[in-house]
Amino acid sequence: RKAQDEEAQPPVPSTGELELARLDEDPHAPER
């Protein structure tokens, strides 16, 4: 989900999407 008011908030460096996808690929990897 994107920020409700993207103009009012500073850009987020990471939304967590990449990290979520990587954990989904290998859910047994504690570092992910």
Full PDB file with SEQRES, HELIX, SHEET, SSBOND, CRYST1, ORIGX, SCALE, CONECT and MASTER records, all heavy atoms in Angstrom:
SEQRES   1 A   32  ARG LYS ALA GLN ASP GLU GLU ALA GLN PRO PRO VAL PRO          
SEQRES   2 A   32  SER THR GLY GLU LEU GLU LEU ALA ARG LEU ASP GLU ASP          
SEQRES   3 A   32  PRO HIS ALA PRO GLU ARG                                      
HELIX    1 AA1 GLU A   17  GLU A   25  1                                   9    
CRYST1    1.000    1.000    1.000  90.00  90.00  90.00 P 1           1          
ORIGX1      1.000000  0.000000  0.000000        0.00000                         
ORIGX2      0.000000  1.000000  0.000000        0.00000                         
ORIGX3      0.000000  0.000000  1.000000        0.00000                         
SCALE1      1.000000  0.000000  0.000000        0.00000                         
SCALE2      0.000000  1.000000  0.000000        0.00000                         
SCALE3      0.000000  0.000000  1.000000        0.00000                         
ATOM      1  N   ARG A   1       0.843  -1.193   0.000  1.00  0.00           N  
ATOM      2  CA  ARG A   1       0.000   0.000   0.000  1.00  0.00           C  
ATOM      3  C   ARG A   1       0.879   1.244   0.000  1.00  0.00           C  
ATOM      4  O   ARG A   1       1.835   1.352   0.755  1.00  0.00           O  
ATOM      5  CB  ARG A   1      -0.897  -0.014   1.240  1.00  0.00           C  
ATOM      6  CG  ARG A   1      -1.964   1.053   1.233  1.00  0.00           C  
ATOM      7  CD  ARG A   1      -2.869   0.950   2.445  1.00  0.00           C  
ATOM      8  NE  ARG A   1      -3.333  -0.425   2.660  1.00  0.00           N  
ATOM      9  CZ  ARG A   1      -3.549  -0.944   3.861  1.00  0.00           C  
ATOM     10  NH1 ARG A   1      -3.353  -0.239   4.943  1.00  0.00           N  
ATOM     11  NH2 ARG A   1      -3.965  -2.191   3.983  1.00  0.00           N  
ATOM     12  N   LYS A   2       0.547   2.160  -0.837  1.00  0.00           N  
ATOM     13  CA  LYS A   2       1.311   3.413  -0.913  1.00  0.00           C  
ATOM     14  C   LYS A   2       0.860   4.354   0.197  1.00  0.00           C  
ATOM     15  O   LYS A   2      -0.225   4.215   0.747  1.00  0.00           O  
ATOM     16  CB  LYS A   2       1.109   4.091  -2.279  1.00  0.00           C  
ATOM     17  CG  LYS A   2       1.530   3.215  -3.446  1.00  0.00           C  
ATOM     18  CD  LYS A   2       2.997   2.877  -3.372  1.00  0.00           C  
ATOM     19  CE  LYS A   2       3.401   1.957  -4.500  1.00  0.00           C  
ATOM     20  NZ  LYS A   2       4.535   1.139  -4.249  1.00  0.00           N  
ATOM     21  N   ALA A   3       1.701   5.327   0.488  1.00  0.00           N  
ATOM     22  CA  ALA A   3       1.373   6.310   1.524  1.00  0.00           C  
ATOM     23  C   ALA A   3       0.075   7.019   1.157  1.00  0.00           C  
ATOM     24  O   ALA A   3      -0.171   7.307  -0.009  1.00  0.00           O  
ATOM     25  CB  ALA A   3       2.506   7.307   1.677  1.00  0.00           C  
ATOM     26  N   GLN A   4      -0.748   7.306   2.158  1.00  0.00           N  
ATOM     27  CA  GLN A   4      -2.028   7.964   1.932  1.00  0.00           C  
ATOM     28  C   GLN A   4      -1.844   9.343   1.302  1.00  0.00           C  
ATOM     29  O   GLN A   4      -2.567   9.721   0.414  1.00  0.00           O  
ATOM     30  CB  GLN A   4      -2.774   8.113   3.268  1.00  0.00           C  
ATOM     31  CG  GLN A   4      -3.134   6.801   3.910  1.00  0.00           C  
ATOM     32  CD  GLN A   4      -4.353   6.166   3.287  1.00  0.00           C  
ATOM     33  OE1 GLN A   4      -5.262   6.850   2.870  1.00  0.00           O  
ATOM     34  NE2 GLN A   4      -4.357   4.843   3.217  1.00  0.00           N  
ATOM     35  N   ASP A   5      -0.877  10.081   1.784  1.00  0.00           N  
ATOM     36  CA  ASP A   5      -0.635  11.437   1.301  1.00  0.00           C  
ATOM     37  C   ASP A   5       0.838  11.536   0.934  1.00  0.00           C  
ATOM     38  O   ASP A   5       1.653  12.008   1.718  1.00  0.00           O  
ATOM     39  CB  ASP A   5      -1.014  12.445   2.390  1.00  0.00           C  
ATOM     40  CG  ASP A   5      -0.894  13.884   1.909  1.00  0.00           C  
ATOM     41  OD1 ASP A   5      -0.596  14.100   0.721  1.00  0.00           O  
ATOM     42  OD2 ASP A   5      -1.103  14.785   2.740  1.00  0.00           O  
ATOM     43  N   GLU A   6       1.191  11.097  -0.256  1.00  0.00           N  
ATOM     44  CA  GLU A   6       2.592  11.022  -0.651  1.00  0.00           C  
ATOM     45  C   GLU A   6       3.271  12.393  -0.693  1.00  0.00           C  
ATOM     46  O   GLU A   6       4.463  12.507  -0.470  1.00  0.00           O  
ATOM     47  CB  GLU A   6       2.720  10.322  -2.001  1.00  0.00           C  
ATOM     48  CG  GLU A   6       2.354   8.853  -1.918  1.00  0.00           C  
ATOM     49  CD  GLU A   6       2.524   8.122  -3.237  1.00  0.00           C  
ATOM     50  OE1 GLU A   6       3.236   8.650  -4.112  1.00  0.00           O  
ATOM     51  OE2 GLU A   6       1.954   7.042  -3.382  1.00  0.00           O  
ATOM     52  N   GLU A   7       2.512  13.446  -0.974  1.00  0.00           N  
ATOM     53  CA  GLU A   7       3.114  14.782  -1.043  1.00  0.00           C  
ATOM     54  C   GLU A   7       3.488  15.309   0.333  1.00  0.00           C  
ATOM     55  O   GLU A   7       4.451  16.031   0.487  1.00  0.00           O  
ATOM     56  CB  GLU A   7       2.143  15.756  -1.722  1.00  0.00           C  
ATOM     57  CG  GLU A   7       1.932  15.447  -3.191  1.00  0.00           C  
ATOM     58  CD  GLU A   7       0.938  16.399  -3.830  1.00  0.00           C  
ATOM     59  OE1 GLU A   7       0.650  17.461  -3.239  1.00  0.00           O  
ATOM     60  OE2 GLU A   7       0.460  16.082  -4.918  1.00  0.00           O  
ATOM     61  N   ALA A   8       2.719  14.954   1.349  1.00  0.00           N  
ATOM     62  CA  ALA A   8       2.952  15.485   2.686  1.00  0.00           C  
ATOM     63  C   ALA A   8       4.061  14.741   3.424  1.00  0.00           C  
ATOM     64  O   ALA A   8       4.587  15.246   4.393  1.00  0.00           O  
ATOM     65  CB  ALA A   8       1.668  15.412   3.506  1.00  0.00           C  
ATOM     66  N   GLN A   9       4.419  13.563   2.962  1.00  0.00           N  
ATOM     67  CA  GLN A   9       5.409  12.769   3.675  1.00  0.00           C  
ATOM     68  C   GLN A   9       6.707  12.705   2.888  1.00  0.00           C  
ATOM     69  O   GLN A   9       6.699  12.673   1.659  1.00  0.00           O  
ATOM     70  CB  GLN A   9       4.880  11.357   3.902  1.00  0.00           C  
ATOM     71  CG  GLN A   9       3.644  11.346   4.775  1.00  0.00           C  
ATOM     72  CD  GLN A   9       3.218   9.933   5.101  1.00  0.00           C  
ATOM     73  OE1 GLN A   9       3.903   8.989   4.783  1.00  0.00           O  
ATOM     74  NE2 GLN A   9       2.076   9.801   5.748  1.00  0.00           N  
ATOM     75  N   PRO A  10       7.827  12.657   3.589  1.00  0.00           N  
ATOM     76  CA  PRO A  10       9.102  12.505   2.882  1.00  0.00           C  
ATOM     77  C   PRO A  10       9.162  11.122   2.239  1.00  0.00           C  
ATOM     78  O   PRO A  10       8.487  10.198   2.682  1.00  0.00           O  
ATOM     79  CB  PRO A  10      10.150  12.634   4.001  1.00  0.00           C  
ATOM     80  CG  PRO A  10       9.420  12.308   5.252  1.00  0.00           C  
ATOM     81  CD  PRO A  10       7.993  12.690   5.032  1.00  0.00           C  
ATOM     82  N   PRO A  11       9.951  10.975   1.188  1.00  0.00           N  
ATOM     83  CA  PRO A  11      10.049   9.665   0.551  1.00  0.00           C  
ATOM     84  C   PRO A  11      10.606   8.619   1.515  1.00  0.00           C  
ATOM     85  O   PRO A  11      11.484   8.901   2.314  1.00  0.00           O  
ATOM     86  CB  PRO A  11      11.007   9.893  -0.622  1.00  0.00           C  
ATOM     87  CG  PRO A  11      11.637  11.211  -0.385  1.00  0.00           C  
ATOM     88  CD  PRO A  11      10.795  11.973   0.584  1.00  0.00           C  
ATOM     89  N   VAL A  12      10.070   7.445   1.451  1.00  0.00           N  
ATOM     90  CA  VAL A  12      10.503   6.345   2.298  1.00  0.00           C  
ATOM     91  C   VAL A  12      11.626   5.608   1.574  1.00  0.00           C  
ATOM     92  O   VAL A  12      11.468   5.218   0.429  1.00  0.00           O  
ATOM     93  CB  VAL A  12       9.320   5.383   2.576  1.00  0.00           C  
ATOM     94  CG1 VAL A  12       9.764   4.204   3.410  1.00  0.00           C  
ATOM     95  CG2 VAL A  12       8.186   6.124   3.256  1.00  0.00           C  
ATOM     96  N   PRO A  13      12.795   5.429   2.233  1.00  0.00           N  
ATOM     97  CA  PRO A  13      13.924   4.800   1.554  1.00  0.00           C  
ATOM     98  C   PRO A  13      13.627   3.377   1.090  1.00  0.00           C  
ATOM     99  O   PRO A  13      14.065   2.964   0.044  1.00  0.00           O  
ATOM    100  CB  PRO A  13      15.044   4.814   2.589  1.00  0.00           C  
ATOM    101  CG  PRO A  13      14.446   5.261   3.860  1.00  0.00           C  
ATOM    102  CD  PRO A  13      13.091   5.793   3.594  1.00  0.00           C  
ATOM    103  N   SER A  14      12.874   2.624   1.866  1.00  0.00           N  
ATOM    104  CA  SER A  14      12.501   1.271   1.486  1.00  0.00           C  
ATOM    105  C   SER A  14      11.086   1.027   1.957  1.00  0.00           C  
ATOM    106  O   SER A  14      10.752   1.283   3.105  1.00  0.00           O  
ATOM    107  CB  SER A  14      13.435   0.242   2.125  1.00  0.00           C  
ATOM    108  OG  SER A  14      12.921  -1.061   1.917  1.00  0.00           O  
ATOM    109  N   THR A  15      10.249   0.539   1.063  1.00  0.00           N  
ATOM    110  CA  THR A  15       8.878   0.239   1.450  1.00  0.00           C  
ATOM    111  C   THR A  15       8.779  -1.114   2.134  1.00  0.00           C  
ATOM    112  O   THR A  15       7.789  -1.410   2.760  1.00  0.00           O  
ATOM    113  CB  THR A  15       7.961   0.228   0.215  1.00  0.00           C  
ATOM    114  OG1 THR A  15       8.394  -0.816  -0.663  1.00  0.00           O  
ATOM    115  CG2 THR A  15       7.971   1.570  -0.491  1.00  0.00           C  
ATOM    116  N   GLY A  16       9.803  -1.932   1.978  1.00  0.00           N  
ATOM    117  CA  GLY A  16       9.783  -3.276   2.524  1.00  0.00           C  
ATOM    118  C   GLY A  16       9.364  -4.309   1.494  1.00  0.00           C  
ATOM    119  O   GLY A  16       9.394  -5.511   1.766  1.00  0.00           O  
ATOM    120  N   GLU A  17       8.973  -3.865   0.298  1.00  0.00           N  
ATOM    121  CA  GLU A  17       8.505  -4.804  -0.731  1.00  0.00           C  
ATOM    122  C   GLU A  17       9.596  -5.784  -1.151  1.00  0.00           C  
ATOM    123  O   GLU A  17       9.333  -6.985  -1.284  1.00  0.00           O  
ATOM    124  CB  GLU A  17       7.987  -4.047  -1.952  1.00  0.00           C  
ATOM    125  CG  GLU A  17       6.637  -3.413  -1.729  1.00  0.00           C  
ATOM    126  CD  GLU A  17       6.078  -2.784  -2.984  1.00  0.00           C  
ATOM    127  OE1 GLU A  17       5.645  -3.541  -3.865  1.00  0.00           O  
ATOM    128  OE2 GLU A  17       6.076  -1.538  -3.074  1.00  0.00           O  
ATOM    129  N   LEU A  18      10.799  -5.290  -1.365  1.00  0.00           N  
ATOM    130  CA  LEU A  18      11.898  -6.166  -1.781  1.00  0.00           C  
ATOM    131  C   LEU A  18      12.192  -7.198  -0.688  1.00  0.00           C  
ATOM    132  O   LEU A  18      12.325  -8.393  -0.967  1.00  0.00           O  
ATOM    133  CB  LEU A  18      13.156  -5.352  -2.090  1.00  0.00           C  
ATOM    134  CG  LEU A  18      14.407  -6.159  -2.425  1.00  0.00           C  
ATOM    135  CD1 LEU A  18      14.190  -6.987  -3.688  1.00  0.00           C  
ATOM    136  CD2 LEU A  18      15.596  -5.224  -2.605  1.00  0.00           C  
ATOM    137  N   GLU A  19      12.260  -6.739   0.546  1.00  0.00           N  
ATOM    138  CA  GLU A  19      12.553  -7.636   1.667  1.00  0.00           C  
ATOM    139  C   GLU A  19      11.435  -8.674   1.860  1.00  0.00           C  
ATOM    140  O   GLU A  19      11.707  -9.840   2.143  1.00  0.00           O  
ATOM    141  CB  GLU A  19      12.761  -6.826   2.951  1.00  0.00           C  
ATOM    142  CG  GLU A  19      13.983  -5.934   2.928  1.00  0.00           C  
ATOM    143  CD  GLU A  19      13.770  -4.578   2.250  1.00  0.00           C  
ATOM    144  OE1 GLU A  19      12.667  -4.315   1.716  1.00  0.00           O  
ATOM    145  OE2 GLU A  19      14.705  -3.769   2.262  1.00  0.00           O  
ATOM    146  N   LEU A  20      10.191  -8.246   1.671  1.00  0.00           N  
ATOM    147  CA  LEU A  20       9.053  -9.151   1.776  1.00  0.00           C  
ATOM    148  C   LEU A  20       9.135 -10.231   0.688  1.00  0.00           C  
ATOM    149  O   LEU A  20       8.954 -11.417   0.965  1.00  0.00           O  
ATOM    150  CB  LEU A  20       7.746  -8.375   1.652  1.00  0.00           C  
ATOM    151  CG  LEU A  20       6.466  -9.184   1.796  1.00  0.00           C  
ATOM    152  CD1 LEU A  20       6.173  -9.436   3.271  1.00  0.00           C  
ATOM    153  CD2 LEU A  20       5.304  -8.450   1.162  1.00  0.00           C  
ATOM    154  N   ALA A  21       9.430  -9.820  -0.534  1.00  0.00           N  
ATOM    155  CA  ALA A  21       9.544 -10.768  -1.650  1.00  0.00           C  
ATOM    156  C   ALA A  21      10.698 -11.745  -1.425  1.00  0.00           C  
ATOM    157  O   ALA A  21      10.564 -12.942  -1.700  1.00  0.00           O  
ATOM    158  CB  ALA A  21       9.728 -10.013  -2.965  1.00  0.00           C  
ATOM    159  N   ARG A  22      11.812 -11.241  -0.918  1.00  0.00           N  
ATOM    160  CA  ARG A  22      12.962 -12.124  -0.672  1.00  0.00           C  
ATOM    161  C   ARG A  22      12.655 -13.154   0.416  1.00  0.00           C  
ATOM    162  O   ARG A  22      13.036 -14.315   0.300  1.00  0.00           O  
ATOM    163  CB  ARG A  22      14.191 -11.292  -0.293  1.00  0.00           C  
ATOM    164  CG  ARG A  22      14.697 -10.471  -1.488  1.00  0.00           C  
ATOM    165  CD  ARG A  22      16.046  -9.859  -1.255  1.00  0.00           C  
ATOM    166  NE  ARG A  22      17.045 -10.934  -1.278  1.00  0.00           N  
ATOM    167  CZ  ARG A  22      18.056 -11.021  -0.419  1.00  0.00           C  
ATOM    168  NH1 ARG A  22      18.222 -10.104   0.510  1.00  0.00           N  
ATOM    169  NH2 ARG A  22      18.916 -12.013  -0.488  1.00  0.00           N  
ATOM    170  N   LEU A  23      11.937 -12.750   1.468  1.00  0.00           N  
ATOM    171  CA  LEU A  23      11.565 -13.702   2.513  1.00  0.00           C  
ATOM    172  C   LEU A  23      10.547 -14.703   1.973  1.00  0.00           C  
ATOM    173  O   LEU A  23      10.601 -15.880   2.309  1.00  0.00           O  
ATOM    174  CB  LEU A  23      11.010 -12.980   3.749  1.00  0.00           C  
ATOM    175  CG  LEU A  23      10.610 -13.885   4.921  1.00  0.00           C  
ATOM    176  CD1 LEU A  23      11.782 -14.747   5.390  1.00  0.00           C  
ATOM    177  CD2 LEU A  23      10.062 -13.053   6.064  1.00  0.00           C  
ATOM    178  N   ASP A  24       9.657 -14.247   1.126  1.00  0.00           N  
ATOM    179  CA  ASP A  24       8.669 -15.141   0.532  1.00  0.00           C  
ATOM    180  C   ASP A  24       9.351 -16.209  -0.329  1.00  0.00           C  
ATOM    181  O   ASP A  24       8.915 -17.351  -0.377  1.00  0.00           O  
ATOM    182  CB  ASP A  24       7.666 -14.340  -0.298  1.00  0.00           C  
ATOM    183  CG  ASP A  24       6.398 -15.104  -0.601  1.00  0.00           C  
ATOM    184  OD1 ASP A  24       6.014 -15.977   0.208  1.00  0.00           O  
ATOM    185  OD2 ASP A  24       5.777 -14.841  -1.642  1.00  0.00           O  
ATOM    186  N   GLU A  25      10.449 -15.834  -0.994  1.00  0.00           N  
ATOM    187  CA  GLU A  25      11.209 -16.785  -1.823  1.00  0.00           C  
ATOM    188  C   GLU A  25      11.902 -17.850  -0.971  1.00  0.00           C  
ATOM    189  O   GLU A  25      12.012 -18.997  -1.373  1.00  0.00           O  
ATOM    190  CB  GLU A  25      12.282 -16.053  -2.629  1.00  0.00           C  
ATOM    191  CG  GLU A  25      11.753 -15.204  -3.748  1.00  0.00           C  
ATOM    192  CD  GLU A  25      12.844 -14.324  -4.360  1.00  0.00           C  
ATOM    193  OE1 GLU A  25      14.031 -14.423  -3.943  1.00  0.00           O  
ATOM    194  OE2 GLU A  25      12.508 -13.533  -5.256  1.00  0.00           O  
ATOM    195  N   ASP A  26      12.408 -17.444   0.189  1.00  0.00           N  
ATOM    196  CA  ASP A  26      13.124 -18.374   1.072  1.00  0.00           C  
ATOM    197  C   ASP A  26      12.734 -18.081   2.521  1.00  0.00           C  
ATOM    198  O   ASP A  26      13.469 -17.414   3.259  1.00  0.00           O  
ATOM    199  CB  ASP A  26      14.636 -18.231   0.878  1.00  0.00           C  
ATOM    200  CG  ASP A  26      15.426 -19.274   1.669  1.00  0.00           C  
ATOM    201  OD1 ASP A  26      14.805 -20.130   2.347  1.00  0.00           O  
ATOM    202  OD2 ASP A  26      16.667 -19.233   1.614  1.00  0.00           O  
ATOM    203  N   PRO A  27      11.559 -18.573   2.944  1.00  0.00           N  
ATOM    204  CA  PRO A  27      11.061 -18.245   4.282  1.00  0.00           C  
ATOM    205  C   PRO A  27      11.874 -18.845   5.420  1.00  0.00           C  
ATOM    206  O   PRO A  27      11.679 -18.468   6.568  1.00  0.00           O  
ATOM    207  CB  PRO A  27       9.628 -18.792   4.277  1.00  0.00           C  
ATOM    208  CG  PRO A  27       9.584 -19.776   3.173  1.00  0.00           C  
ATOM    209  CD  PRO A  27      10.624 -19.387   2.176  1.00  0.00           C  
ATOM    210  N   HIS A  28      12.792 -19.746   5.120  1.00  0.00           N  
ATOM    211  CA  HIS A  28      13.607 -20.357   6.178  1.00  0.00           C  
ATOM    212  C   HIS A  28      14.923 -19.606   6.398  1.00  0.00           C  
ATOM    213  O   HIS A  28      15.737 -20.047   7.209  1.00  0.00           O  
ATOM    214  CB  HIS A  28      13.889 -21.824   5.846  1.00  0.00           C  
ATOM    215  CG  HIS A  28      12.643 -22.656   5.824  1.00  0.00           C  
ATOM    216  ND1 HIS A  28      12.009 -23.078   6.974  1.00  0.00           N  
ATOM    217  CD2 HIS A  28      11.902 -23.125   4.793  1.00  0.00           C  
ATOM    218  CE1 HIS A  28      10.936 -23.774   6.641  1.00  0.00           C  
ATOM    219  NE2 HIS A  28      10.847 -23.816   5.331  1.00  0.00           N  
ATOM    220  N   ALA A  29      15.131 -18.489   5.702  1.00  0.00           N  
ATOM    221  CA  ALA A  29      16.375 -17.727   5.820  1.00  0.00           C  
ATOM    222  C   ALA A  29      16.221 -16.647   6.889  1.00  0.00           C  
ATOM    223  O   ALA A  29      15.553 -15.638   6.660  1.00  0.00           O  
ATOM    224  CB  ALA A  29      16.742 -17.104   4.477  1.00  0.00           C  
ATOM    225  N   PRO A  30      16.832 -16.845   8.062  1.00  0.00           N  
ATOM    226  CA  PRO A  30      16.664 -15.874   9.143  1.00  0.00           C  
ATOM    227  C   PRO A  30      17.182 -14.478   8.799  1.00  0.00           C  
ATOM    228  O   PRO A  30      16.637 -13.485   9.267  1.00  0.00           O  
ATOM    229  CB  PRO A  30      17.434 -16.484  10.314  1.00  0.00           C  
ATOM    230  CG  PRO A  30      18.271 -17.572   9.755  1.00  0.00           C  
ATOM    231  CD  PRO A  30      17.685 -17.971   8.449  1.00  0.00           C  
ATOM    232  N   GLU A  31      18.211 -14.402   7.968  1.00  0.00           N  
ATOM    233  CA  GLU A  31      18.732 -13.072   7.606  1.00  0.00           C  
ATOM    234  C   GLU A  31      17.727 -12.302   6.753  1.00  0.00           C  
ATOM    235  O   GLU A  31      17.660 -11.070   6.830  1.00  0.00           O  
ATOM    236  CB  GLU A  31      20.088 -13.186   6.895  1.00  0.00           C  
ATOM    237  CG  GLU A  31      20.056 -13.822   5.524  1.00  0.00           C  
ATOM    238  CD  GLU A  31      20.024 -15.353   5.511  1.00  0.00           C  
ATOM    239  OE1 GLU A  31      20.065 -15.984   6.581  1.00  0.00           O  
ATOM    240  OE2 GLU A  31      19.944 -15.918   4.407  1.00  0.00           O  
ATOM    241  N   ARG A  32      16.916 -13.013   5.979  1.00  0.00           N  
ATOM    242  CA  ARG A  32      15.880 -12.338   5.187  1.00  0.00           C  
ATOM    243  C   ARG A  32      14.741 -11.851   6.085  1.00  0.00           C  
ATOM    244  O   ARG A  32      14.192 -10.772   5.868  1.00  0.00           O  
ATOM    245  CB  ARG A  32      15.353 -13.261   4.091  1.00  0.00           C  
ATOM    246  CG  ARG A  32      16.393 -13.519   3.021  1.00  0.00           C  
ATOM    247  CD  ARG A  32      15.871 -14.365   1.896  1.00  0.00           C  
ATOM    248  NE  ARG A  32      16.933 -14.586   0.911  1.00  0.00           N  
ATOM    249  CZ  ARG A  32      16.726 -14.968  -0.331  1.00  0.00           C  
ATOM    250  NH1 ARG A  32      15.498 -15.172  -0.765  1.00  0.00           N  
ATOM    251  NH2 ARG A  32      17.739 -15.149  -1.152  1.00  0.00           N  
TER     252      ARG A  32                                                      
MASTER        0    0    0    1    0    0    0    6  251    1    0    3          
END                                                                             
